[in-house]
Amino acid sequence: NIDNRSSQFWNWFNSNKAKYEYTLANLNSLHQGEIDE
């Protein structure tokens, strides 16, 4: 159901948000392929 899907999404994001913080903090130095991935 939709509640389970939203919980699943945010649980995943909380576990992986450091990767996106790093990506956003280093947009000028990362290869575009890494950002796209």
PDB file of all heavy atoms in Angstrom:
ATOM      1  N   ASN A   1       0.826  -1.200   0.000  1.00  0.00           N
ATOM      2  CA  ASN A   1       0.000   0.000   0.000  1.00  0.00           C
ATOM      3  C   ASN A   1       0.865   1.257   0.000  1.00  0.00           C
ATOM      4  O   ASN A   1       2.087   1.203   0.212  1.00  0.00           O
ATOM      5  CB  ASN A   1      -0.988  -0.003   1.174  1.00  0.00           C
ATOM      6  CG  ASN A   1      -0.309   0.054   2.521  1.00  0.00           C
ATOM      7  OD1 ASN A   1       0.676   0.765   2.703  1.00  0.00           O
ATOM      8  ND2 ASN A   1      -0.835  -0.690   3.490  1.00  0.00           N
ATOM      9  N   ILE A   2       0.214   2.398  -0.174  1.00  0.00           N
ATOM     10  CA  ILE A   2       0.963   3.651  -0.371  1.00  0.00           C
ATOM     11  C   ILE A   2       1.749   4.042   0.872  1.00  0.00           C
ATOM     12  O   ILE A   2       2.858   4.581   0.783  1.00  0.00           O
ATOM     13  CB  ILE A   2       0.001   4.778  -0.822  1.00  0.00           C
ATOM     14  CG1 ILE A   2       0.803   6.001  -1.286  1.00  0.00           C
ATOM     15  CG2 ILE A   2      -0.969   5.146   0.310  1.00  0.00           C
ATOM     16  CD1 ILE A   2      -0.043   7.025  -1.999  1.00  0.00           C
ATOM     17  N   ASP A   3       1.201   3.754   2.064  1.00  0.00           N
ATOM     18  CA  ASP A   3       1.933   4.081   3.292  1.00  0.00           C
ATOM     19  C   ASP A   3       3.214   3.278   3.394  1.00  0.00           C
ATOM     20  O   ASP A   3       4.265   3.796   3.793  1.00  0.00           O
ATOM     21  CB  ASP A   3       1.042   3.823   4.513  1.00  0.00           C
ATOM     22  CG  ASP A   3      -0.103   4.828   4.617  1.00  0.00           C
ATOM     23  OD1 ASP A   3       0.045   5.937   4.077  1.00  0.00           O
ATOM     24  OD2 ASP A   3      -1.126   4.496   5.223  1.00  0.00           O
ATOM     25  N   ASN A   4       3.136   2.003   3.045  1.00  0.00           N
ATOM     26  CA  ASN A   4       4.336   1.170   3.082  1.00  0.00           C
ATOM     27  C   ASN A   4       5.370   1.621   2.053  1.00  0.00           C
ATOM     28  O   ASN A   4       6.573   1.598   2.308  1.00  0.00           O
ATOM     29  CB  ASN A   4       3.974  -0.298   2.849  1.00  0.00           C
ATOM     30  CG  ASN A   4       3.259  -0.905   4.031  1.00  0.00           C
ATOM     31  OD1 ASN A   4       3.343  -0.395   5.153  1.00  0.00           O
ATOM     32  ND2 ASN A   4       2.529  -1.985   3.798  1.00  0.00           N
ATOM     33  N   ARG A   5       4.879   2.043   0.869  1.00  0.00           N
ATOM     34  CA  ARG A   5       5.809   2.500  -0.174  1.00  0.00           C
ATOM     35  C   ARG A   5       6.517   3.782   0.252  1.00  0.00           C
ATOM     36  O   ARG A   5       7.714   3.956   0.002  1.00  0.00           O
ATOM     37  CB  ARG A   5       5.071   2.693  -1.498  1.00  0.00           C
ATOM     38  CG  ARG A   5       4.614   1.405  -2.152  1.00  0.00           C
ATOM     39  CD  ARG A   5       4.346   1.599  -3.630  1.00  0.00           C
ATOM     40  NE  ARG A   5       3.360   2.628  -3.904  1.00  0.00           N
ATOM     41  CZ  ARG A   5       2.059   2.422  -3.992  1.00  0.00           C
ATOM     42  NH1 ARG A   5       1.565   1.205  -3.807  1.00  0.00           N
ATOM     43  NH2 ARG A   5       1.229   3.403  -4.264  1.00  0.00           N
ATOM     44  N   SER A   6       5.782   4.702   0.891  1.00  0.00           N
ATOM     45  CA  SER A   6       6.418   5.942   1.333  1.00  0.00           C
ATOM     46  C   SER A   6       7.427   5.672   2.444  1.00  0.00           C
ATOM     47  O   SER A   6       8.521   6.241   2.452  1.00  0.00           O
ATOM     48  CB  SER A   6       5.359   6.960   1.789  1.00  0.00           C
ATOM     49  OG  SER A   6       4.612   6.478   2.886  1.00  0.00           O
ATOM     50  N   SER A   7       7.077   4.783   3.373  1.00  0.00           N
ATOM     51  CA  SER A   7       8.019   4.430   4.445  1.00  0.00           C
ATOM     52  C   SER A   7       9.262   3.770   3.875  1.00  0.00           C
ATOM     53  O   SER A   7      10.395   4.057   4.303  1.00  0.00           O
ATOM     54  CB  SER A   7       7.347   3.493   5.458  1.00  0.00           C
ATOM     55  OG  SER A   7       6.289   4.141   6.122  1.00  0.00           O
ATOM     56  N   GLN A   8       9.062   2.886   2.909  1.00  0.00           N
ATOM     57  CA  GLN A   8      10.187   2.217   2.272  1.00  0.00           C
ATOM     58  C   GLN A   8      11.102   3.229   1.598  1.00  0.00           C
ATOM     59  O   GLN A   8      12.339   3.131   1.693  1.00  0.00           O
ATOM     60  CB  GLN A   8       9.670   1.200   1.260  1.00  0.00           C
ATOM     61  CG  GLN A   8      10.757   0.394   0.572  1.00  0.00           C
ATOM     62  CD  GLN A   8      10.185  -0.518  -0.501  1.00  0.00           C
ATOM     63  OE1 GLN A   8       9.594  -0.067  -1.478  1.00  0.00           O
ATOM     64  NE2 GLN A   8      10.347  -1.827  -0.311  1.00  0.00           N
ATOM     65  N   PHE A   9      10.512   4.210   0.910  1.00  0.00           N
ATOM     66  CA  PHE A   9      11.316   5.217   0.219  1.00  0.00           C
ATOM     67  C   PHE A   9      12.145   6.028   1.210  1.00  0.00           C
ATOM     68  O   PHE A   9      13.359   6.203   1.022  1.00  0.00           O
ATOM     69  CB  PHE A   9      10.423   6.144  -0.606  1.00  0.00           C
ATOM     70  CG  PHE A   9      11.173   7.296  -1.214  1.00  0.00           C
ATOM     71  CD1 PHE A   9      11.975   7.107  -2.320  1.00  0.00           C
ATOM     72  CD2 PHE A   9      11.113   8.562  -0.645  1.00  0.00           C
ATOM     73  CE1 PHE A   9      12.702   8.158  -2.869  1.00  0.00           C
ATOM     74  CE2 PHE A   9      11.827   9.619  -1.185  1.00  0.00           C
ATOM     75  CZ  PHE A   9      12.624   9.412  -2.301  1.00  0.00           C
ATOM     76  N   TRP A  10      11.522   6.529   2.270  1.00  0.00           N
ATOM     77  CA  TRP A  10      12.265   7.371   3.209  1.00  0.00           C
ATOM     78  C   TRP A  10      13.282   6.575   4.006  1.00  0.00           C
ATOM     79  O   TRP A  10      14.345   7.107   4.374  1.00  0.00           O
ATOM     80  CB  TRP A  10      11.301   8.123   4.127  1.00  0.00           C
ATOM     81  CG  TRP A  10      10.500   9.156   3.410  1.00  0.00           C
ATOM     82  CD1 TRP A  10       9.141   9.239   3.316  1.00  0.00           C
ATOM     83  CD2 TRP A  10      11.009  10.271   2.652  1.00  0.00           C
ATOM     84  NE1 TRP A  10       8.757  10.320   2.552  1.00  0.00           N
ATOM     85  CE2 TRP A  10       9.895  10.969   2.134  1.00  0.00           C
ATOM     86  CE3 TRP A  10      12.289  10.734   2.367  1.00  0.00           C
ATOM     87  CZ2 TRP A  10      10.021  12.110   1.348  1.00  0.00           C
ATOM     88  CZ3 TRP A  10      12.426  11.874   1.575  1.00  0.00           C
ATOM     89  CH2 TRP A  10      11.308  12.548   1.080  1.00  0.00           C
ATOM     90  N   ASN A  11      12.990   5.335   4.289  1.00  0.00           N
ATOM     91  CA  ASN A  11      13.990   4.491   4.951  1.00  0.00           C
ATOM     92  C   ASN A  11      15.220   4.322   4.062  1.00  0.00           C
ATOM     93  O   ASN A  11      16.368   4.385   4.535  1.00  0.00           O
ATOM     94  CB  ASN A  11      13.393   3.121   5.287  1.00  0.00           C
ATOM     95  CG  ASN A  11      12.406   3.177   6.428  1.00  0.00           C
ATOM     96  OD1 ASN A  11      12.438   4.105   7.243  1.00  0.00           O
ATOM     97  ND2 ASN A  11      11.528   2.185   6.506  1.00  0.00           N
ATOM     98  N   TRP A  12      14.960   4.118   2.767  1.00  0.00           N
ATOM     99  CA  TRP A  12      16.083   4.003   1.831  1.00  0.00           C
ATOM    100  C   TRP A  12      16.859   5.316   1.777  1.00  0.00           C
ATOM    101  O   TRP A  12      18.102   5.317   1.828  1.00  0.00           O
ATOM    102  CB  TRP A  12      15.578   3.645   0.428  1.00  0.00           C
ATOM    103  CG  TRP A  12      16.663   3.784  -0.589  1.00  0.00           C
ATOM    104  CD1 TRP A  12      17.643   2.872  -0.898  1.00  0.00           C
ATOM    105  CD2 TRP A  12      16.936   4.939  -1.402  1.00  0.00           C
ATOM    106  NE1 TRP A  12      18.490   3.389  -1.842  1.00  0.00           N
ATOM    107  CE2 TRP A  12      18.086   4.638  -2.171  1.00  0.00           C
ATOM    108  CE3 TRP A  12      16.305   6.175  -1.551  1.00  0.00           C
ATOM    109  CZ2 TRP A  12      18.621   5.558  -3.080  1.00  0.00           C
ATOM    110  CZ3 TRP A  12      16.845   7.090  -2.453  1.00  0.00           C
ATOM    111  CH2 TRP A  12      17.983   6.774  -3.202  1.00  0.00           C
ATOM    112  N   PHE A  13      16.141   6.437   1.694  1.00  0.00           N
ATOM    113  CA  PHE A  13      16.829   7.718   1.564  1.00  0.00           C
ATOM    114  C   PHE A  13      17.648   8.028   2.815  1.00  0.00           C
ATOM    115  O   PHE A  13      18.778   8.505   2.718  1.00  0.00           O
ATOM    116  CB  PHE A  13      15.825   8.848   1.299  1.00  0.00           C
ATOM    117  CG  PHE A  13      16.487  10.180   1.068  1.00  0.00           C
ATOM    118  CD1 PHE A  13      17.308  10.388  -0.023  1.00  0.00           C
ATOM    119  CD2 PHE A  13      16.320  11.216   1.974  1.00  0.00           C
ATOM    120  CE1 PHE A  13      17.939  11.606  -0.230  1.00  0.00           C
ATOM    121  CE2 PHE A  13      16.955  12.436   1.785  1.00  0.00           C
ATOM    122  CZ  PHE A  13      17.770  12.635   0.684  1.00  0.00           C
ATOM    123  N   ASN A  14      17.107   7.766   3.995  1.00  0.00           N
ATOM    124  CA  ASN A  14      17.854   8.015   5.224  1.00  0.00           C
ATOM    125  C   ASN A  14      19.145   7.201   5.267  1.00  0.00           C
ATOM    126  O   ASN A  14      20.165   7.666   5.780  1.00  0.00           O
ATOM    127  CB  ASN A  14      16.994   7.687   6.445  1.00  0.00           C
ATOM    128  CG  ASN A  14      16.224   8.904   6.948  1.00  0.00           C
ATOM    129  OD1 ASN A  14      16.818   9.908   7.304  1.00  0.00           O
ATOM    130  ND2 ASN A  14      14.900   8.803   6.946  1.00  0.00           N
ATOM    131  N   SER A  15      19.082   6.020   4.699  1.00  0.00           N
ATOM    132  CA  SER A  15      20.264   5.158   4.687  1.00  0.00           C
ATOM    133  C   SER A  15      21.284   5.582   3.640  1.00  0.00           C
ATOM    134  O   SER A  15      22.457   5.195   3.717  1.00  0.00           O
ATOM    135  CB  SER A  15      19.851   3.698   4.436  1.00  0.00           C
ATOM    136  OG  SER A  15      19.022   3.222   5.472  1.00  0.00           O
ATOM    137  N   ASN A  16      20.844   6.365   2.655  1.00  0.00           N
ATOM    138  CA  ASN A  16      21.716   6.722   1.527  1.00  0.00           C
ATOM    139  C   ASN A  16      21.915   8.223   1.348  1.00  0.00           C
ATOM    140  O   ASN A  16      22.582   8.647   0.400  1.00  0.00           O
ATOM    141  CB  ASN A  16      21.144   6.142   0.232  1.00  0.00           C
ATOM    142  CG  ASN A  16      21.222   4.631   0.184  1.00  0.00           C
ATOM    143  OD1 ASN A  16      22.211   4.057  -0.271  1.00  0.00           O
ATOM    144  ND2 ASN A  16      20.173   3.971   0.656  1.00  0.00           N
ATOM    145  N   LYS A  17      21.364   9.024   2.253  1.00  0.00           N
ATOM    146  CA  LYS A  17      21.401  10.475   2.042  1.00  0.00           C
ATOM    147  C   LYS A  17      22.824  11.036   2.058  1.00  0.00           C
ATOM    148  O   LYS A  17      23.097  12.049   1.394  1.00  0.00           O
ATOM    149  CB  LYS A  17      20.533  11.192   3.069  1.00  0.00           C
ATOM    150  CG  LYS A  17      21.000  11.114   4.506  1.00  0.00           C
ATOM    151  CD  LYS A  17      19.956  11.721   5.431  1.00  0.00           C
ATOM    152  CE  LYS A  17      20.416  11.733   6.882  1.00  0.00           C
ATOM    153  NZ  LYS A  17      21.480  12.719   7.118  1.00  0.00           N
ATOM    154  N   ALA A  18      23.721  10.379   2.770  1.00  0.00           N
ATOM    155  CA  ALA A  18      25.106  10.870   2.801  1.00  0.00           C
ATOM    156  C   ALA A  18      25.707  10.888   1.397  1.00  0.00           C
ATOM    157  O   ALA A  18      26.499  11.780   1.062  1.00  0.00           O
ATOM    158  CB  ALA A  18      25.950  10.000   3.733  1.00  0.00           C
ATOM    159  N   LYS A  19      25.332   9.917   0.581  1.00  0.00           N
ATOM    160  CA  LYS A  19      25.832   9.868  -0.800  1.00  0.00           C
ATOM    161  C   LYS A  19      25.362  11.090  -1.579  1.00  0.00           C
ATOM    162  O   LYS A  19      26.128  11.681  -2.367  1.00  0.00           O
ATOM    163  CB  LYS A  19      25.344   8.591  -1.476  1.00  0.00           C
ATOM    164  CG  LYS A  19      25.707   8.488  -2.945  1.00  0.00           C
ATOM    165  CD  LYS A  19      25.186   7.190  -3.543  1.00  0.00           C
ATOM    166  CE  LYS A  19      25.559   7.070  -5.017  1.00  0.00           C
ATOM    167  NZ  LYS A  19      25.068   5.785  -5.599  1.00  0.00           N
ATOM    168  N   TYR A  20      24.113  11.502  -1.353  1.00  0.00           N
ATOM    169  CA  TYR A  20      23.569  12.646  -2.086  1.00  0.00           C
ATOM    170  C   TYR A  20      24.102  13.957  -1.519  1.00  0.00           C
ATOM    171  O   TYR A  20      24.281  14.932  -2.264  1.00  0.00           O
ATOM    172  CB  TYR A  20      22.039  12.568  -2.083  1.00  0.00           C
ATOM    173  CG  TYR A  20      21.588  11.396  -2.931  1.00  0.00           C
ATOM    174  CD1 TYR A  20      21.353  10.155  -2.361  1.00  0.00           C
ATOM    175  CD2 TYR A  20      21.497  11.520  -4.311  1.00  0.00           C
ATOM    176  CE1 TYR A  20      21.008   9.064  -3.151  1.00  0.00           C
ATOM    177  CE2 TYR A  20      21.151  10.438  -5.112  1.00  0.00           C
ATOM    178  CZ  TYR A  20      20.916   9.216  -4.522  1.00  0.00           C
ATOM    179  OH  TYR A  20      20.595   8.133  -5.315  1.00  0.00           O
ATOM    180  N   GLU A  21      24.374  14.001  -0.231  1.00  0.00           N
ATOM    181  CA  GLU A  21      25.009  15.175   0.344  1.00  0.00           C
ATOM    182  C   GLU A  21      26.410  15.364  -0.251  1.00  0.00           C
ATOM    183  O   GLU A  21      26.804  16.480  -0.594  1.00  0.00           O
ATOM    184  CB  GLU A  21      25.077  15.032   1.865  1.00  0.00           C
ATOM    185  CG  GLU A  21      23.702  15.070   2.531  1.00  0.00           C
ATOM    186  CD  GLU A  21      23.733  14.636   3.985  1.00  0.00           C
ATOM    187  OE1 GLU A  21      24.844  14.418   4.520  1.00  0.00           O
ATOM    188  OE2 GLU A  21      22.652  14.507   4.584  1.00  0.00           O
ATOM    189  N   TYR A  22      27.114  14.254  -0.369  1.00  0.00           N
ATOM    190  CA  TYR A  22      28.450  14.317  -0.972  1.00  0.00           C
ATOM    191  C   TYR A  22      28.360  14.757  -2.439  1.00  0.00           C
ATOM    192  O   TYR A  22      29.147  15.593  -2.889  1.00  0.00           O
ATOM    193  CB  TYR A  22      29.123  12.948  -0.874  1.00  0.00           C
ATOM    194  CG  TYR A  22      30.473  12.891  -1.556  1.00  0.00           C
ATOM    195  CD1 TYR A  22      31.618  13.354  -0.904  1.00  0.00           C
ATOM    196  CD2 TYR A  22      30.598  12.396  -2.860  1.00  0.00           C
ATOM    197  CE1 TYR A  22      32.853  13.319  -1.537  1.00  0.00           C
ATOM    198  CE2 TYR A  22      31.843  12.357  -3.489  1.00  0.00           C
ATOM    199  CZ  TYR A  22      32.953  12.822  -2.818  1.00  0.00           C
ATOM    200  OH  TYR A  22      34.183  12.785  -3.447  1.00  0.00           O
ATOM    201  N   THR A  23      27.394  14.204  -3.164  1.00  0.00           N
ATOM    202  CA  THR A  23      27.237  14.547  -4.581  1.00  0.00           C
ATOM    203  C   THR A  23      26.950  16.032  -4.749  1.00  0.00           C
ATOM    204  O   THR A  23      27.579  16.720  -5.581  1.00  0.00           O
ATOM    205  CB  THR A  23      26.105  13.716  -5.209  1.00  0.00           C
ATOM    206  OG1 THR A  23      26.420  12.325  -5.109  1.00  0.00           O
ATOM    207  CG2 THR A  23      25.899  14.080  -6.677  1.00  0.00           C
ATOM    208  N   LEU A  24      26.018  16.564  -3.964  1.00  0.00           N
ATOM    209  CA  LEU A  24      25.649  17.975  -4.095  1.00  0.00           C
ATOM    210  C   LEU A  24      26.786  18.891  -3.656  1.00  0.00           C
ATOM    211  O   LEU A  24      26.956  19.980  -4.214  1.00  0.00           O
ATOM    212  CB  LEU A  24      24.394  18.262  -3.277  1.00  0.00           C
ATOM    213  CG  LEU A  24      23.108  17.587  -3.768  1.00  0.00           C
ATOM    214  CD1 LEU A  24      21.948  17.900  -2.831  1.00  0.00           C
ATOM    215  CD2 LEU A  24      22.758  18.022  -5.193  1.00  0.00           C
ATOM    216  N   ALA A  25      27.560  18.454  -2.676  1.00  0.00           N
ATOM    217  CA  ALA A  25      28.660  19.285  -2.186  1.00  0.00           C
ATOM    218  C   ALA A  25      29.842  19.292  -3.149  1.00  0.00           C
ATOM    219  O   ALA A  25      30.724  20.163  -3.047  1.00  0.00           O
ATOM    220  CB  ALA A  25      29.105  18.794  -0.813  1.00  0.00           C
ATOM    221  N   ASN A  26      29.856  18.333  -4.085  1.00  0.00           N
ATOM    222  CA  ASN A  26      31.012  18.198  -4.978  1.00  0.00           C
ATOM    223  C   ASN A  26      30.611  18.172  -6.456  1.00  0.00           C
ATOM    224  O   ASN A  26      31.283  17.535  -7.271  1.00  0.00           O
ATOM    225  CB  ASN A  26      31.779  16.919  -4.623  1.00  0.00           C
ATOM    226  CG  ASN A  26      32.388  16.969  -3.244  1.00  0.00           C
ATOM    227  OD1 ASN A  26      33.443  17.549  -3.044  1.00  0.00           O
ATOM    228  ND2 ASN A  26      31.690  16.373  -2.271  1.00  0.00           N
ATOM    229  N   LEU A  27      29.566  18.891  -6.795  1.00  0.00           N
ATOM    230  CA  LEU A  27      29.091  18.884  -8.181  1.00  0.00           C
ATOM    231  C   LEU A  27      30.155  19.345  -9.163  1.00  0.00           C
ATOM    232  O   LEU A  27      30.212  18.874 -10.305  1.00  0.00           O
ATOM    233  CB  LEU A  27      27.844  19.773  -8.297  1.00  0.00           C
ATOM    234  CG  LEU A  27      26.552  19.237  -7.685  1.00  0.00           C
ATOM    235  CD1 LEU A  27      25.448  20.282  -7.802  1.00  0.00           C
ATOM    236  CD2 LEU A  27      26.116  17.939  -8.361  1.00  0.00           C
ATOM    237  N   ASN A  28      30.983  20.276  -8.751  1.00  0.00           N
ATOM    238  CA  ASN A  28      31.977  20.843  -9.672  1.00  0.00           C
ATOM    239  C   ASN A  28      33.171  19.927  -9.907  1.00  0.00           C
ATOM    240  O   ASN A  28      33.914  20.111 -10.874  1.00  0.00           O
ATOM    241  CB  ASN A  28      32.461  22.198  -9.158  1.00  0.00           C
ATOM    242  CG  ASN A  28      31.371  23.249  -9.184  1.00  0.00           C
ATOM    243  OD1 ASN A  28      30.481  23.198 -10.027  1.00  0.00           O
ATOM    244  ND2 ASN A  28      31.431  24.190  -8.253  1.00  0.00           N
ATOM    245  N   SER A  29      33.366  18.955  -9.025  1.00  0.00           N
ATOM    246  CA  SER A  29      34.543  18.101  -9.160  1.00  0.00           C
ATOM    247  C   SER A  29      34.207  16.671  -9.586  1.00  0.00           C
ATOM    248  O   SER A  29      35.077  15.958 -10.082  1.00  0.00           O
ATOM    249  CB  SER A  29      35.320  18.057  -7.832  1.00  0.00           C
ATOM    250  OG  SER A  29      34.497  17.587  -6.781  1.00  0.00           O
ATOM    251  N   LEU A  30      32.954  16.257  -9.425  1.00  0.00           N
ATOM    252  CA  LEU A  30      32.571  14.900  -9.791  1.00  0.00           C
ATOM    253  C   LEU A  30      32.384  14.771 -11.293  1.00  0.00           C
ATOM    254  O   LEU A  30      31.961  15.722 -11.965  1.00  0.00           O
ATOM    255  CB  LEU A  30      31.280  14.497  -9.084  1.00  0.00           C
ATOM    256  CG  LEU A  30      31.365  14.214  -7.577  1.00  0.00           C
ATOM    257  CD1 LEU A  30      29.967  13.963  -7.014  1.00  0.00           C
ATOM    258  CD2 LEU A  30      32.272  13.026  -7.298  1.00  0.00           C
ATOM    259  N   HIS A  31      32.655  13.601 -11.827  1.00  0.00           N
ATOM    260  CA  HIS A  31      32.388  13.315 -13.231  1.00  0.00           C
ATOM    261  C   HIS A  31      30.876  13.278 -13.433  1.00  0.00           C
ATOM    262  O   HIS A  31      30.124  12.797 -12.584  1.00  0.00           O
ATOM    263  CB  HIS A  31      33.016  11.968 -13.616  1.00  0.00           C
ATOM    264  CG  HIS A  31      32.972  11.699 -15.089  1.00  0.00           C
ATOM    265  ND1 HIS A  31      31.847  11.179 -15.714  1.00  0.00           N
ATOM    266  CD2 HIS A  31      33.905  11.882 -16.067  1.00  0.00           C
ATOM    267  CE1 HIS A  31      32.100  11.058 -17.005  1.00  0.00           C
ATOM    268  NE2 HIS A  31      33.337  11.480 -17.246  1.00  0.00           N
ATOM    269  N   GLN A  32      30.420  13.797 -14.570  1.00  0.00           N
ATOM    270  CA  GLN A  32      28.982  13.858 -14.824  1.00  0.00           C
ATOM    271  C   GLN A  32      28.341  12.474 -14.754  1.00  0.00           C
ATOM    272  O   GLN A  32      27.191  12.329 -14.324  1.00  0.00           O
ATOM    273  CB  GLN A  32      28.717  14.492 -16.191  1.00  0.00           C
ATOM    274  CG  GLN A  32      27.235  14.750 -16.474  1.00  0.00           C
ATOM    275  CD  GLN A  32      26.611  15.702 -15.471  1.00  0.00           C
ATOM    276  OE1 GLN A  32      27.186  16.735 -15.140  1.00  0.00           O
ATOM    277  NE2 GLN A  32      25.421  15.357 -14.980  1.00  0.00           N
ATOM    278  N   GLY A  33      29.070  11.446 -15.155  1.00  0.00           N
ATOM    279  CA  GLY A  33      28.544  10.089 -15.101  1.00  0.00           C
ATOM    280  C   GLY A  33      28.214   9.658 -13.685  1.00  0.00           C
ATOM    281  O   GLY A  33      27.212   8.955 -13.452  1.00  0.00           O
ATOM    282  N   GLU A  34      29.047  10.068 -12.711  1.00  0.00           N
ATOM    283  CA  GLU A  34      28.783   9.739 -11.311  1.00  0.00           C
ATOM    284  C   GLU A  34      27.521  10.434 -10.817  1.00  0.00           C
ATOM    285  O   GLU A  34      26.713   9.841 -10.092  1.00  0.00           O
ATOM    286  CB  GLU A  34      29.977  10.156 -10.453  1.00  0.00           C
ATOM    287  CG  GLU A  34      31.266   9.411 -10.719  1.00  0.00           C
ATOM    288  CD  GLU A  34      32.384   9.932  -9.853  1.00  0.00           C
ATOM    289  OE1 GLU A  34      32.450   9.538  -8.677  1.00  0.00           O
ATOM    290  OE2 GLU A  34      33.199  10.747 -10.359  1.00  0.00           O
ATOM    291  N   ILE A  35      27.370  11.692 -11.216  1.00  0.00           N
ATOM    292  CA  ILE A  35      26.181  12.451 -10.800  1.00  0.00           C
ATOM    293  C   ILE A  35      24.928  11.824 -11.399  1.00  0.00           C
ATOM    294  O   ILE A  35      23.919  11.600 -10.702  1.00  0.00           O
ATOM    295  CB  ILE A  35      26.315  13.923 -11.233  1.00  0.00           C
ATOM    296  CG1 ILE A  35      27.524  14.563 -10.566  1.00  0.00           C
ATOM    297  CG2 ILE A  35      25.036  14.693 -10.914  1.00  0.00           C
ATOM    298  CD1 ILE A  35      27.872  15.942 -11.094  1.00  0.00           C
ATOM    299  N   ASP A  36      24.981  11.521 -12.695  1.00  0.00           N
ATOM    300  CA  ASP A  36      23.824  10.930 -13.366  1.00  0.00           C
ATOM    301  C   ASP A  36      23.447   9.590 -12.742  1.00  0.00           C
ATOM    302  O   ASP A  36      22.260   9.296 -12.565  1.00  0.00           O
ATOM    303  CB  ASP A  36      24.124  10.738 -14.856  1.00  0.00           C
ATOM    304  CG  ASP A  36      24.240  12.062 -15.598  1.00  0.00           C
ATOM    305  OD1 ASP A  36      23.801  13.088 -15.054  1.00  0.00           O
ATOM    306  OD2 ASP A  36      24.773  12.050 -16.726  1.00  0.00           O
ATOM    307  N   GLU A  37      24.446   8.799 -12.412  1.00  0.00           N
ATOM    308  CA  GLU A  37      24.170   7.489 -11.813  1.00  0.00           C
ATOM    309  C   GLU A  37      23.441   7.639 -10.481  1.00  0.00           C
ATOM    310  O   GLU A  37      22.455   6.945 -10.213  1.00  0.00           O
ATOM    311  CB  GLU A  37      25.464   6.717 -11.603  1.00  0.00           C
ATOM    312  CG  GLU A  37      25.246   5.336 -10.993  1.00  0.00           C
ATOM    313  CD  GLU A  37      26.547   4.593 -10.763  1.00  0.00           C
ATOM    314  OE1 GLU A  37      27.618   5.154 -11.055  1.00  0.00           O
ATOM    315  OE2 GLU A  37      26.481   3.444 -10.287  1.00  0.00           O
TER     316      GLU A  37
END
